């Protein structure tokens, strides 16, 4: 069964994107060696993301590094959106319901990871008790404003535990 993992690169002040979803700040960190990211990439069976992430800013737009994991990911993607695209997108399944999207992504991933991309989809997965793990890479920058890693005003506490033998910010979600 697939494991649902939210992974993101975050500024030290807690943002995964700048104001308006700006991802340009991330471009200076793309390409830096990262053993954990490489190991994760080899274990991803599907990506689950929302429309803001899918259609949003890419720090590598127009280059060979455009796309998830600096353009290195090549596999099934499930797009969770309330406004499905009129025309099909090659390699992308579309779902309008979170549970259907997770089910579709898990079926595509098999025994590998479903990598959740995007703060809103990750928040929905947490709220529904669907998220299994969280991996946070930190970049040495303070953005000051933007999209938070998790923004759940009034949300309940979620307890995490470090995954033994993994990098410092790789956690299991305890239920």
Protein backbone atom coordinates (compact mmCIF):
# COMPACT_ATOMS: atom_id res chain seq x y z
CA UNK A 1 0.00 0.00 0.00
CA UNK A 2 1.25 3.47 -0.87
CA UNK A 3 2.49 5.88 1.79
CA UNK A 4 1.14 9.44 1.57
CA UNK A 5 4.04 11.87 2.11
CA UNK A 6 4.02 15.67 2.07
CA UNK A 7 7.42 16.99 1.08
CA UNK A 8 8.39 20.61 0.65
CA UNK A 9 11.32 22.97 0.80
CA UNK A 10 10.70 25.70 3.36
CA UNK A 11 12.39 28.95 4.28
CA UNK A 12 13.64 29.18 7.84
CA UNK A 13 10.66 31.39 8.67
CA UNK A 14 8.16 28.75 7.55
CA UNK A 15 7.19 29.59 3.95
CA UNK A 16 7.17 27.22 0.97
CA UNK A 17 6.38 29.99 -1.52
CA UNK A 18 6.72 33.73 -1.46
CA UNK A 19 3.87 36.23 -1.81
CA UNK A 20 1.46 35.32 -4.59
CA UNK A 21 2.95 31.82 -4.80
CA UNK A 22 6.33 33.11 -6.04
CA UNK A 23 8.81 30.26 -6.26
CA UNK A 24 11.73 32.16 -7.79
CA UNK A 25 13.56 32.17 -4.45
CA UNK A 26 13.95 28.41 -4.75
CA UNK A 27 15.90 28.49 -8.03
CA UNK A 28 19.22 29.21 -6.32
CA UNK A 29 18.88 26.00 -4.28
CA UNK A 30 17.94 23.70 -7.18
CA UNK A 31 20.74 21.41 -8.20
CA UNK A 32 22.48 21.39 -4.83
CA UNK A 33 23.33 17.80 -3.85
CA UNK A 34 20.67 16.34 -1.57
CA UNK A 35 20.93 12.65 -0.80
CA UNK A 36 17.52 12.48 0.94
CA UNK A 37 15.76 14.15 -2.01
CA UNK A 38 17.47 11.77 -4.44
CA UNK A 39 16.48 8.77 -2.31
CA UNK A 40 12.90 10.04 -2.08
CA UNK A 41 12.67 10.66 -5.83
CA UNK A 42 13.57 7.03 -6.53
CA UNK A 43 10.70 5.93 -4.25
CA UNK A 44 7.90 8.15 -5.60
CA UNK A 45 5.21 6.26 -7.47
CA UNK A 46 2.81 9.18 -7.97
CA UNK A 47 2.38 12.87 -7.24
CA UNK A 48 -0.80 14.37 -5.81
CA UNK A 49 -1.14 18.13 -6.10
CA UNK A 50 -3.69 20.89 -6.28
CA UNK A 51 -4.31 23.33 -9.10
CA UNK A 52 -2.40 26.19 -7.45
CA UNK A 53 0.74 24.06 -7.35
CA UNK A 54 0.20 22.34 -10.70
CA UNK A 55 -0.49 25.50 -12.68
CA UNK A 56 1.53 27.83 -10.44
CA UNK A 57 4.99 29.27 -10.50
CA UNK A 58 7.95 27.01 -11.30
CA UNK A 59 11.39 28.43 -10.47
CA UNK A 60 12.75 26.53 -13.46
CA UNK A 61 10.04 27.37 -16.01
CA UNK A 62 11.36 27.14 -19.55
CA UNK A 63 14.45 25.14 -18.63
CA UNK A 64 15.34 21.44 -18.56
CA UNK A 65 14.78 21.56 -14.79
CA UNK A 66 11.10 22.56 -15.07
CA UNK A 67 8.70 20.36 -13.13
CA UNK A 68 8.66 18.40 -9.91
CA UNK A 69 12.03 17.64 -8.36
CA UNK A 70 13.86 19.93 -10.75
CA UNK A 71 12.32 18.19 -13.74
CA UNK A 72 13.58 14.78 -12.66
CA UNK A 73 10.18 13.29 -11.80
CA UNK A 74 8.55 11.40 -14.65
CA UNK A 75 5.52 9.46 -13.54
CA UNK A 76 1.81 9.61 -12.80
CA UNK A 77 0.36 12.83 -11.43
CA UNK A 78 -3.07 13.30 -9.90
CA UNK A 79 -4.46 16.82 -10.01
CA UNK A 80 -7.02 17.66 -7.33
CA UNK A 81 -9.16 20.57 -8.52
CA UNK A 82 -12.69 21.93 -8.44
CA UNK A 83 -12.22 23.19 -12.01
CA UNK A 84 -10.98 20.33 -14.21
CA UNK A 85 -9.13 21.41 -17.34
CA UNK A 86 -11.22 21.36 -20.53
CA UNK A 87 -8.55 19.43 -22.41
CA UNK A 88 -6.83 16.32 -21.01
CA UNK A 89 -3.23 16.76 -19.84
CA UNK A 90 -0.95 13.86 -20.83
CA UNK A 91 0.13 11.78 -17.82
CA UNK A 92 -2.27 13.59 -15.47
CA UNK A 93 -5.40 12.16 -13.86
CA UNK A 94 -7.91 14.68 -12.55
CA UNK A 95 -10.08 14.29 -9.44
CA UNK A 96 -12.52 16.73 -7.87
CA UNK A 97 -12.72 14.97 -4.49
CA UNK A 98 -9.83 14.53 -2.04
CA UNK A 99 -10.58 10.89 -1.20
CA UNK A 100 -10.93 9.98 -4.88
CA UNK A 101 -7.66 11.79 -5.64
CA UNK A 102 -5.81 9.95 -2.87
CA UNK A 103 -7.27 6.62 -4.01
CA UNK A 104 -6.24 7.27 -7.63
CA UNK A 105 -2.71 8.36 -6.63
CA UNK A 106 -2.29 5.39 -4.26
CA UNK A 107 -3.35 2.96 -7.00
CA UNK A 108 -0.82 4.52 -9.36
CA UNK A 109 1.96 4.48 -6.73
CA UNK A 110 1.51 0.86 -5.66
CA UNK A 111 3.96 0.19 -2.82
CA UNK A 112 5.82 3.46 -3.36
CA UNK A 113 5.21 7.00 -2.10
CA UNK A 114 2.43 9.31 -3.13
CA UNK A 115 4.20 12.63 -2.85
CA UNK A 116 1.81 15.44 -1.92
CA UNK A 117 2.83 18.80 -3.32
CA UNK A 118 1.12 21.99 -2.18
CA UNK A 119 0.19 23.38 1.22
CA UNK A 120 -3.57 23.30 0.70
CA UNK A 121 -3.72 19.66 -0.38
CA UNK A 122 -1.39 18.72 2.49
CA UNK A 123 -3.66 20.57 4.94
CA UNK A 124 -6.71 18.73 3.58
CA UNK A 125 -4.89 15.40 3.94
CA UNK A 126 -3.96 16.22 7.55
CA UNK A 127 -7.52 17.33 8.34
CA UNK A 128 -8.89 14.04 6.94
CA UNK A 129 -6.30 11.86 8.70
CA UNK A 130 -4.84 10.67 5.39
CA UNK A 131 -1.23 11.88 5.61
CA UNK A 132 1.37 9.31 6.72
CA UNK A 133 4.66 11.22 6.63
CA UNK A 134 6.12 14.72 6.30
CA UNK A 135 9.56 15.60 4.95
CA UNK A 136 10.72 19.20 5.16
CA UNK A 137 13.87 20.51 3.53
CA UNK A 138 14.98 23.91 4.79
CA UNK A 139 16.62 26.61 2.73
CA UNK A 140 18.84 29.22 4.37
CA UNK A 141 16.60 32.20 3.62
CA UNK A 142 13.94 34.25 5.40
CA UNK A 143 11.11 35.09 2.99
CA UNK A 144 9.08 37.19 5.43
CA UNK A 145 5.73 36.44 3.79
CA UNK A 146 4.02 33.97 1.50
CA UNK A 147 2.51 30.50 1.66
CA UNK A 148 3.13 28.74 4.96
CA UNK A 149 4.19 25.09 5.18
CA UNK A 150 0.95 24.47 7.12
CA UNK A 151 -1.71 27.06 7.78
CA UNK A 152 -4.51 25.63 9.92
CA UNK A 153 -6.01 28.40 12.08
CA UNK A 154 -8.11 26.69 14.72
CA UNK A 155 -6.76 23.32 13.64
CA UNK A 156 -6.11 20.52 16.08
CA UNK A 157 -2.67 19.48 17.25
CA UNK A 158 -0.95 16.84 15.11
CA UNK A 159 1.77 14.77 16.77
CA UNK A 160 4.76 13.67 14.72
CA UNK A 161 7.69 11.35 15.41
CA UNK A 162 11.05 11.30 13.69
CA UNK A 163 11.57 8.35 11.41
CA UNK A 164 14.62 6.47 12.70
CA UNK A 165 17.53 6.40 10.28
CA UNK A 166 16.18 9.26 8.16
CA UNK A 167 17.21 12.89 7.84
CA UNK A 168 16.34 15.26 10.66
CA UNK A 169 13.06 16.62 9.33
CA UNK A 170 11.41 13.41 8.14
CA UNK A 171 8.46 12.53 10.35
CA UNK A 172 5.69 9.98 10.70
CA UNK A 173 2.24 11.38 11.45
CA UNK A 174 0.84 9.75 14.59
CA UNK A 175 -2.88 9.07 14.67
